[in-house]
Amino acid sequence: MRPFGSPNKKNPPALTDENSDDEEEADDPEEQIQLMTHDTSDTENEDEVEEVELQSGDAALAAELIDNDEIELEVDDISNLSDEEDNDRYTSQSCKESLAKFHAIARKLNKSPNSKALFAELCGDHECSRPHNIPRDVRTRWNSTLAQLSSILRCSAAIFEWQRDKRHGLSRIYHINQEDLDLASDLVEVLQPFYEITLQVSTRGAARISDIVVFIDQITGHLSSAILEKRENTPRLYGMPAVQVFS
């Protein structure tokens, strides 16, 4: 006879998680809201953590460092998804790789005080606007992806020099280039209305149900324009992964 209940299944060994030190998502929605309102990303005082180098011959792409658990929406979950075309400026894969590079920059600066000090010094040398830091993009913080992308653009001149530093910079696989900055700029334009609407909705007594309907229409129209318009010098955004756009 078998004992009652489902047999215990042995879970496979957990893969190395690039974000193991980041906040774990709480099961309780109230706890999630608390996480959104308390940002401690720039207050950690940990000893310098050496960056993990990819040693294998077939080094995984930087995008693979993003844990699948961080992705709420998959491509298979999207209805009527447009196919990527040859003349698309971005692809889903290229977007994921660029976003993974930005994540690696933020993590390095957050975990290494020496790297952060050098970065701040270079920001001053290049007269970058303040603040001189790159915040982490965390699922439980609204608009954290927008904040990270904006800081990447703001401190790009310092990043280009800092990332090449052999002691405190990044492994070459994480180095950003102008194409990465172009993506960041386009994504900021896409995400900015989400931030503005979040401010309106978050203000006590400022948003009603009728307003929410208007906001949804605004977002729908904004995304449709970003995808479909073919104005001169405007990139087609078919390749931008929706899972990241709604971060």
C-alpha atoms as a PDB file:
ATOM      1  CA  MET A   1       0.000   0.000   0.000  1.00  0.00           C
ATOM      2  CA  ARG A   2       1.127   3.522  -0.768  1.00  0.00           C
ATOM      3  CA  PRO A   3       0.936   6.290   1.833  1.00  0.00           C
ATOM      4  CA  PHE A   4      -1.679   8.954   1.304  1.00  0.00           C
ATOM      5  CA  GLY A   5      -0.628  12.135  -0.444  1.00  0.00           C
ATOM      6  CA  SER A   6       1.482  12.905  -3.445  1.00  0.00           C
ATOM      7  CA  PRO A   7       4.989  11.459  -3.476  1.00  0.00           C
ATOM      8  CA  ASN A   8       7.750  13.921  -2.839  1.00  0.00           C
ATOM      9  CA  LYS A   9       9.565  14.893  -5.996  1.00  0.00           C
ATOM     10  CA  LYS A  10      13.218  15.705  -5.924  1.00  0.00           C
ATOM     11  CA  ASN A  11      13.853  19.130  -7.315  1.00  0.00           C
ATOM     12  CA  PRO A  12      16.776  19.488  -9.741  1.00  0.00           C
ATOM     13  CA  PRO A  13      19.785  21.465  -8.525  1.00  0.00           C
ATOM     14  CA  ALA A  14      19.156  25.170  -8.770  1.00  0.00           C
ATOM     15  CA  LEU A  15      21.036  26.999 -11.477  1.00  0.00           C
ATOM     16  CA  THR A  16      23.402  29.773 -10.460  1.00  0.00           C
ATOM     17  CA  ASP A  17      21.258  32.867 -10.105  1.00  0.00           C
ATOM     18  CA  GLU A  18      22.741  36.172 -11.165  1.00  0.00           C
ATOM     19  CA  ASN A  19      20.131  37.897  -9.035  1.00  0.00           C
ATOM     20  CA  SER A  20      20.320  35.762  -5.918  1.00  0.00           C
ATOM     21  CA  ASP A  21      20.986  38.840  -3.802  1.00  0.00           C
ATOM     22  CA  ASP A  22      18.014  40.741  -5.162  1.00  0.00           C
ATOM     23  CA  GLU A  23      14.711  40.900  -3.378  1.00  0.00           C
ATOM     24  CA  GLU A  24      12.591  37.771  -3.584  1.00  0.00           C
ATOM     25  CA  GLU A  25       9.022  38.367  -4.598  1.00  0.00           C
ATOM     26  CA  ALA A  26       6.617  38.038  -1.704  1.00  0.00           C
ATOM     27  CA  ASP A  27       3.561  35.826  -2.010  1.00  0.00           C
ATOM     28  CA  ASP A  28       1.374  38.279  -0.120  1.00  0.00           C
ATOM     29  CA  PRO A  29       0.250  41.211  -2.326  1.00  0.00           C
ATOM     30  CA  GLU A  30       0.502  43.558   0.654  1.00  0.00           C
ATOM     31  CA  GLU A  31       4.140  42.609   1.081  1.00  0.00           C
ATOM     32  CA  GLN A  32       4.706  43.262  -2.617  1.00  0.00           C
ATOM     33  CA  ILE A  33       3.361  46.779  -2.216  1.00  0.00           C
ATOM     34  CA  GLN A  34       5.695  47.360   0.728  1.00  0.00           C
ATOM     35  CA  LEU A  35       8.629  46.259  -1.395  1.00  0.00           C
ATOM     36  CA  MET A  36       7.691  48.800  -4.035  1.00  0.00           C
ATOM     37  CA  THR A  37       7.817  51.661  -1.566  1.00  0.00           C
ATOM     38  CA  HIS A  38      11.144  50.849   0.106  1.00  0.00           C
ATOM     39  CA  ASP A  39      14.176  51.058  -2.150  1.00  0.00           C
ATOM     40  CA  THR A  40      17.416  49.977  -0.509  1.00  0.00           C
ATOM     41  CA  SER A  41      19.313  49.339  -3.724  1.00  0.00           C
ATOM     42  CA  ASP A  42      21.904  52.022  -3.006  1.00  0.00           C
ATOM     43  CA  THR A  43      22.340  51.525   0.733  1.00  0.00           C
ATOM     44  CA  GLU A  44      24.110  48.188   0.848  1.00  0.00           C
ATOM     45  CA  ASN A  45      27.544  48.148   2.435  1.00  0.00           C
ATOM     46  CA  GLU A  46      28.943  44.830   1.359  1.00  0.00           C
ATOM     47  CA  ASP A  47      32.527  43.914   0.625  1.00  0.00           C
ATOM     48  CA  GLU A  48      33.521  44.041  -2.982  1.00  0.00           C
ATOM     49  CA  VAL A  49      32.240  41.033  -4.870  1.00  0.00           C
ATOM     50  CA  GLU A  50      34.314  39.854  -7.733  1.00  0.00           C
ATOM     51  CA  GLU A  51      32.419  39.610 -10.994  1.00  0.00           C
ATOM     52  CA  VAL A  52      31.768  36.077 -12.125  1.00  0.00           C
ATOM     53  CA  GLU A  53      33.516  35.408 -15.405  1.00  0.00           C
ATOM     54  CA  LEU A  54      32.136  33.020 -17.970  1.00  0.00           C
ATOM     55  CA  GLN A  55      34.851  30.413 -18.366  1.00  0.00           C
ATOM     56  CA  SER A  56      33.323  27.847 -20.715  1.00  0.00           C
ATOM     57  CA  GLY A  57      34.192  27.828 -24.405  1.00  0.00           C
ATOM     58  CA  ASP A  58      30.568  28.288 -25.414  1.00  0.00           C
ATOM     59  CA  ALA A  59      29.898  31.265 -23.157  1.00  0.00           C
ATOM     60  CA  ALA A  60      26.213  31.920 -22.699  1.00  0.00           C
ATOM     61  CA  LEU A  61      24.851  35.170 -23.997  1.00  0.00           C
ATOM     62  CA  ALA A  62      24.484  37.917 -21.420  1.00  0.00           C
ATOM     63  CA  ALA A  63      20.724  37.735 -21.758  1.00  0.00           C
ATOM     64  CA  GLU A  64      20.734  34.249 -20.271  1.00  0.00           C
ATOM     65  CA  LEU A  65      21.832  35.750 -16.940  1.00  0.00           C
ATOM     66  CA  ILE A  66      18.295  37.024 -16.421  1.00  0.00           C
ATOM     67  CA  ASP A  67      16.473  34.482 -14.306  1.00  0.00           C
ATOM     68  CA  ASN A  68      13.315  33.173 -15.940  1.00  0.00           C
ATOM     69  CA  ASP A  69      11.500  33.669 -12.642  1.00  0.00           C
ATOM     70  CA  GLU A  70      11.784  37.415 -13.150  1.00  0.00           C
ATOM     71  CA  ILE A  71       9.722  37.265 -16.334  1.00  0.00           C
ATOM     72  CA  GLU A  72       6.010  37.574 -15.719  1.00  0.00           C
ATOM     73  CA  LEU A  73       4.905  37.581 -19.347  1.00  0.00           C
ATOM     74  CA  GLU A  74       6.210  35.259 -22.033  1.00  0.00           C
ATOM     75  CA  VAL A  75       5.990  35.693 -25.789  1.00  0.00           C
ATOM     76  CA  ASP A  76       3.614  32.733 -25.945  1.00  0.00           C
ATOM     77  CA  ASP A  77       1.223  34.649 -23.674  1.00  0.00           C
ATOM     78  CA  ILE A  78       0.777  37.517 -26.160  1.00  0.00           C
ATOM     79  CA  SER A  79      -2.108  37.364 -28.631  1.00  0.00           C
ATOM     80  CA  ASN A  80      -1.671  38.589 -32.207  1.00  0.00           C
ATOM     81  CA  LEU A  81       2.063  39.101 -31.797  1.00  0.00           C
ATOM     82  CA  SER A  82       3.614  40.617 -34.906  1.00  0.00           C
ATOM     83  CA  ASP A  83       6.335  38.613 -36.580  1.00  0.00           C
ATOM     84  CA  GLU A  84       9.816  40.031 -36.592  1.00  0.00           C
ATOM     85  CA  GLU A  85      10.911  41.227 -40.004  1.00  0.00           C
ATOM     86  CA  ASP A  86      14.249  41.748 -41.692  1.00  0.00           C
ATOM     87  CA  ASN A  87      13.976  45.552 -41.515  1.00  0.00           C
ATOM     88  CA  ASP A  88      13.204  45.640 -37.791  1.00  0.00           C
ATOM     89  CA  ARG A  89      15.804  47.666 -35.983  1.00  0.00           C
ATOM     90  CA  TYR A  90      15.562  45.504 -32.873  1.00  0.00           C
ATOM     91  CA  THR A  91      14.848  41.842 -32.267  1.00  0.00           C
ATOM     92  CA  SER A  92      13.647  40.141 -29.121  1.00  0.00           C
ATOM     93  CA  GLN A  93      17.070  38.591 -28.677  1.00  0.00           C
ATOM     94  CA  SER A  94      19.004  41.828 -29.144  1.00  0.00           C
ATOM     95  CA  CYS A  95      16.705  43.597 -26.674  1.00  0.00           C
ATOM     96  CA  LYS A  96      17.210  40.902 -24.060  1.00  0.00           C
ATOM     97  CA  GLU A  97      20.984  41.078 -24.497  1.00  0.00           C
ATOM     98  CA  SER A  98      21.060  44.866 -24.094  1.00  0.00           C
ATOM     99  CA  LEU A  99      18.800  44.815 -21.042  1.00  0.00           C
ATOM    100  CA  ALA A 100      20.983  42.109 -19.493  1.00  0.00           C
ATOM    101  CA  LYS A 101      24.039  44.336 -19.970  1.00  0.00           C
ATOM    102  CA  PHE A 102      22.291  47.196 -18.172  1.00  0.00           C
ATOM    103  CA  HIS A 103      21.376  44.835 -15.360  1.00  0.00           C
ATOM    104  CA  ALA A 104      25.005  43.678 -15.062  1.00  0.00           C
ATOM    105  CA  ILE A 105      26.207  47.297 -14.832  1.00  0.00           C
ATOM    106  CA  ALA A 106      23.764  48.077 -12.034  1.00  0.00           C
ATOM    107  CA  ARG A 107      24.649  44.919 -10.140  1.00  0.00           C
ATOM    108  CA  LYS A 108      28.402  45.533 -10.385  1.00  0.00           C
ATOM    109  CA  LEU A 109      28.057  49.084  -9.084  1.00  0.00           C
ATOM    110  CA  ASN A 110      25.744  47.941  -6.315  1.00  0.00           C
ATOM    111  CA  LYS A 111      28.006  45.119  -5.121  1.00  0.00           C
ATOM    112  CA  SER A 112      31.438  46.720  -5.482  1.00  0.00           C
ATOM    113  CA  PRO A 113      32.174  49.893  -3.487  1.00  0.00           C
ATOM    114  CA  ASN A 114      35.471  50.392  -5.330  1.00  0.00           C
ATOM    115  CA  SER A 115      33.784  50.157  -8.715  1.00  0.00           C
ATOM    116  CA  LYS A 116      31.088  52.557  -7.569  1.00  0.00           C
ATOM    117  CA  ALA A 117      33.688  55.053  -6.342  1.00  0.00           C
ATOM    118  CA  LEU A 118      35.555  54.956  -9.666  1.00  0.00           C
ATOM    119  CA  PHE A 119      32.290  55.306 -11.554  1.00  0.00           C
ATOM    120  CA  ALA A 120      31.251  58.354  -9.532  1.00  0.00           C
ATOM    121  CA  GLU A 121      34.650  59.929 -10.139  1.00  0.00           C
ATOM    122  CA  LEU A 122      34.345  59.370 -13.893  1.00  0.00           C
ATOM    123  CA  CYS A 123      30.838  60.802 -13.872  1.00  0.00           C
ATOM    124  CA  GLY A 124      32.272  63.959 -12.348  1.00  0.00           C
ATOM    125  CA  ASP A 125      35.069  64.086 -14.930  1.00  0.00           C
ATOM    126  CA  HIS A 126      32.537  63.767 -17.768  1.00  0.00           C
ATOM    127  CA  GLU A 127      30.157  66.242 -16.095  1.00  0.00           C
ATOM    128  CA  CYS A 128      27.293  63.761 -16.104  1.00  0.00           C
ATOM    129  CA  SER A 129      24.077  64.924 -14.493  1.00  0.00           C
ATOM    130  CA  ARG A 130      23.330  63.653 -11.004  1.00  0.00           C
ATOM    131  CA  PRO A 131      22.657  61.237  -9.450  1.00  0.00           C
ATOM    132  CA  HIS A 132      25.787  59.308 -10.384  1.00  0.00           C
ATOM    133  CA  ASN A 133      24.416  55.810  -9.945  1.00  0.00           C
ATOM    134  CA  ILE A 134      22.575  53.090 -11.892  1.00  0.00           C
ATOM    135  CA  PRO A 135      19.566  51.732  -9.968  1.00  0.00           C
ATOM    136  CA  ARG A 136      18.560  48.099 -10.223  1.00  0.00           C
ATOM    137  CA  ASP A 137      15.482  47.035 -12.145  1.00  0.00           C
ATOM    138  CA  VAL A 138      13.333  45.069  -9.728  1.00  0.00           C
ATOM    139  CA  ARG A 139       9.986  43.533 -10.592  1.00  0.00           C
ATOM    140  CA  THR A 140       8.390  44.685  -7.332  1.00  0.00           C
ATOM    141  CA  ARG A 141       9.221  48.347  -7.938  1.00  0.00           C
ATOM    142  CA  TRP A 142       7.084  50.278 -10.364  1.00  0.00           C
ATOM    143  CA  ASN A 143       8.953  51.972 -13.209  1.00  0.00           C
ATOM    144  CA  SER A 144      12.328  50.625 -12.050  1.00  0.00           C
ATOM    145  CA  THR A 145      13.245  49.674 -15.634  1.00  0.00           C
ATOM    146  CA  LEU A 146      12.580  53.239 -16.779  1.00  0.00           C
ATOM    147  CA  ALA A 147      14.725  54.595 -13.942  1.00  0.00           C
ATOM    148  CA  GLN A 148      17.579  52.279 -14.897  1.00  0.00           C
ATOM    149  CA  LEU A 149      17.411  53.113 -18.600  1.00  0.00           C
ATOM    150  CA  SER A 150      17.331  56.845 -17.876  1.00  0.00           C
ATOM    151  CA  SER A 151      20.405  56.569 -15.661  1.00  0.00           C
ATOM    152  CA  ILE A 152      22.250  54.569 -18.317  1.00  0.00           C
ATOM    153  CA  LEU A 153      21.675  57.394 -20.792  1.00  0.00           C
ATOM    154  CA  ARG A 154      22.513  60.064 -18.222  1.00  0.00           C
ATOM    155  CA  CYS A 155      25.877  58.474 -17.322  1.00  0.00           C
ATOM    156  CA  SER A 156      26.722  56.884 -20.679  1.00  0.00           C
ATOM    157  CA  ALA A 157      29.967  58.824 -21.154  1.00  0.00           C
ATOM    158  CA  ALA A 158      31.290  57.590 -17.807  1.00  0.00           C
ATOM    159  CA  ILE A 159      30.086  54.033 -18.466  1.00  0.00           C
ATOM    160  CA  PHE A 160      32.049  53.799 -21.714  1.00  0.00           C
ATOM    161  CA  GLU A 161      35.284  54.593 -19.851  1.00  0.00           C
ATOM    162  CA  TRP A 162      34.470  52.754 -16.613  1.00  0.00           C
ATOM    163  CA  GLN A 163      33.545  49.450 -18.267  1.00  0.00           C
ATOM    164  CA  ARG A 164      37.012  49.161 -19.827  1.00  0.00           C
ATOM    165  CA  ASP A 165      38.832  49.444 -16.508  1.00  0.00           C
ATOM    166  CA  LYS A 166      40.620  46.119 -16.004  1.00  0.00           C
ATOM    167  CA  ARG A 167      40.279  46.141 -12.230  1.00  0.00           C
ATOM    168  CA  HIS A 168      36.902  47.711 -11.520  1.00  0.00           C
ATOM    169  CA  GLY A 169      35.124  47.505 -14.859  1.00  0.00           C
ATOM    170  CA  LEU A 170      33.157  44.739 -16.550  1.00  0.00           C
ATOM    171  CA  SER A 171      33.934  41.640 -18.521  1.00  0.00           C
ATOM    172  CA  ARG A 172      33.871  42.389 -22.238  1.00  0.00           C
ATOM    173  CA  ILE A 173      30.677  40.400 -22.758  1.00  0.00           C
ATOM    174  CA  TYR A 174      28.808  43.068 -20.764  1.00  0.00           C
ATOM    175  CA  HIS A 175      30.271  46.115 -22.544  1.00  0.00           C
ATOM    176  CA  ILE A 176      27.617  48.388 -24.004  1.00  0.00           C
ATOM    177  CA  ASN A 177      27.867  50.230 -27.307  1.00  0.00           C
ATOM    178  CA  GLN A 178      25.925  52.901 -29.165  1.00  0.00           C
ATOM    179  CA  GLU A 179      23.307  50.403 -30.341  1.00  0.00           C
ATOM    180  CA  ASP A 180      22.535  49.572 -26.717  1.00  0.00           C
ATOM    181  CA  LEU A 181      22.122  53.270 -25.952  1.00  0.00           C
ATOM    182  CA  ASP A 182      19.830  53.714 -28.944  1.00  0.00           C
ATOM    183  CA  LEU A 183      17.606  50.953 -27.577  1.00  0.00           C
ATOM    184  CA  ALA A 184      17.627  52.546 -24.123  1.00  0.00           C
ATOM    185  CA  SER A 185      16.589  55.883 -25.617  1.00  0.00           C
ATOM    186  CA  ASP A 186      13.721  54.339 -27.591  1.00  0.00           C
ATOM    187  CA  LEU A 187      12.518  52.333 -24.599  1.00  0.00           C
ATOM    188  CA  VAL A 188      12.546  55.429 -22.394  1.00  0.00           C
ATOM    189  CA  GLU A 189      10.248  57.094 -24.903  1.00  0.00           C
ATOM    190  CA  VAL A 190       7.938  54.075 -24.782  1.00  0.00           C
ATOM    191  CA  LEU A 191       7.924  53.756 -20.990  1.00  0.00           C
ATOM    192  CA  GLN A 192       7.669  57.455 -20.049  1.00  0.00           C
ATOM    193  CA  PRO A 193       3.830  57.608 -20.272  1.00  0.00           C
ATOM    194  CA  PHE A 194       3.607  54.655 -17.870  1.00  0.00           C
ATOM    195  CA  TYR A 195       5.589  56.647 -15.307  1.00  0.00           C
ATOM    196  CA  GLU A 196       3.468  59.762 -15.745  1.00  0.00           C
ATOM    197  CA  ILE A 197       0.237  57.805 -15.426  1.00  0.00           C
ATOM    198  CA  THR A 198       1.581  55.987 -12.357  1.00  0.00           C
ATOM    199  CA  LEU A 199       2.124  59.353 -10.664  1.00  0.00           C
ATOM    200  CA  GLN A 200      -1.419  60.409 -11.414  1.00  0.00           C
ATOM    201  CA  VAL A 201      -2.923  57.148 -10.200  1.00  0.00           C
ATOM    202  CA  SER A 202      -0.762  57.113  -7.058  1.00  0.00           C
ATOM    203  CA  THR A 203      -1.882  60.556  -5.923  1.00  0.00           C
ATOM    204  CA  ARG A 204      -4.631  60.204  -3.355  1.00  0.00           C
ATOM    205  CA  GLY A 205      -7.983  61.313  -4.747  1.00  0.00           C
ATOM    206  CA  ALA A 206      -6.534  62.196  -8.151  1.00  0.00           C
ATOM    207  CA  ALA A 207      -7.764  59.189 -10.134  1.00  0.00           C
ATOM    208  CA  ARG A 208     -11.244  57.777 -10.542  1.00  0.00           C
ATOM    209  CA  ILE A 209     -12.521  54.753 -12.432  1.00  0.00           C
ATOM    210  CA  SER A 210     -13.443  56.940 -15.388  1.00  0.00           C
ATOM    211  CA  ASP A 211      -9.861  58.245 -15.435  1.00  0.00           C
ATOM    212  CA  ILE A 212      -8.438  54.724 -15.541  1.00  0.00           C
ATOM    213  CA  VAL A 213     -10.379  54.012 -18.737  1.00  0.00           C
ATOM    214  CA  VAL A 214      -8.853  57.119 -20.305  1.00  0.00           C
ATOM    215  CA  PHE A 215      -5.376  56.074 -19.157  1.00  0.00           C
ATOM    216  CA  ILE A 216      -5.805  52.644 -20.749  1.00  0.00           C
ATOM    217  CA  ASP A 217      -6.829  54.266 -24.024  1.00  0.00           C
ATOM    218  CA  GLN A 218      -3.809  56.570 -23.844  1.00  0.00           C
ATOM    219  CA  ILE A 219      -1.422  53.677 -23.288  1.00  0.00           C
ATOM    220  CA  THR A 220      -2.994  51.620 -26.064  1.00  0.00           C
ATOM    221  CA  GLY A 221      -2.720  54.503 -28.504  1.00  0.00           C
ATOM    222  CA  HIS A 222       0.844  55.253 -27.420  1.00  0.00           C
ATOM    223  CA  LEU A 223       2.027  51.670 -27.937  1.00  0.00           C
ATOM    224  CA  SER A 224       0.181  51.360 -31.244  1.00  0.00           C
ATOM    225  CA  SER A 225       1.893  54.495 -32.510  1.00  0.00           C
ATOM    226  CA  ALA A 226       5.311  53.274 -31.367  1.00  0.00           C
ATOM    227  CA  ILE A 227       4.803  49.997 -33.211  1.00  0.00           C
ATOM    228  CA  LEU A 228       3.099  51.058 -36.397  1.00  0.00           C
ATOM    229  CA  GLU A 229       4.296  54.543 -37.260  1.00  0.00           C
ATOM    230  CA  LYS A 230       6.929  54.655 -39.994  1.00  0.00           C
ATOM    231  CA  ARG A 231       8.028  58.238 -39.698  1.00  0.00           C
ATOM    232  CA  GLU A 232      11.505  59.116 -40.885  1.00  0.00           C
ATOM    233  CA  ASN A 233      14.194  58.328 -38.295  1.00  0.00           C
ATOM    234  CA  THR A 234      11.673  56.465 -36.163  1.00  0.00           C
ATOM    235  CA  PRO A 235      12.689  52.830 -35.587  1.00  0.00           C
ATOM    236  CA  ARG A 236      10.141  50.071 -35.911  1.00  0.00           C
ATOM    237  CA  LEU A 237       9.668  48.502 -32.516  1.00  0.00           C
ATOM    238  CA  TYR A 238       8.242  45.120 -33.495  1.00  0.00           C
ATOM    239  CA  GLY A 239      11.248  43.436 -31.948  1.00  0.00           C
ATOM    240  CA  MET A 240      10.912  44.982 -28.497  1.00  0.00           C
ATOM    241  CA  PRO A 241       9.902  42.265 -26.056  1.00  0.00           C
ATOM    242  CA  ALA A 242       6.603  43.137 -24.395  1.00  0.00           C
ATOM    243  CA  VAL A 243       7.750  41.344 -21.266  1.00  0.00           C
ATOM    244  CA  GLN A 244      10.334  44.083 -20.728  1.00  0.00           C
ATOM    245  CA  VAL A 245       8.276  47.013 -21.978  1.00  0.00           C
ATOM    246  CA  PHE A 246       5.794  46.517 -19.172  1.00  0.00           C
ATOM    247  CA  SER A 247       8.462  46.244 -16.432  1.00  0.00           C
END
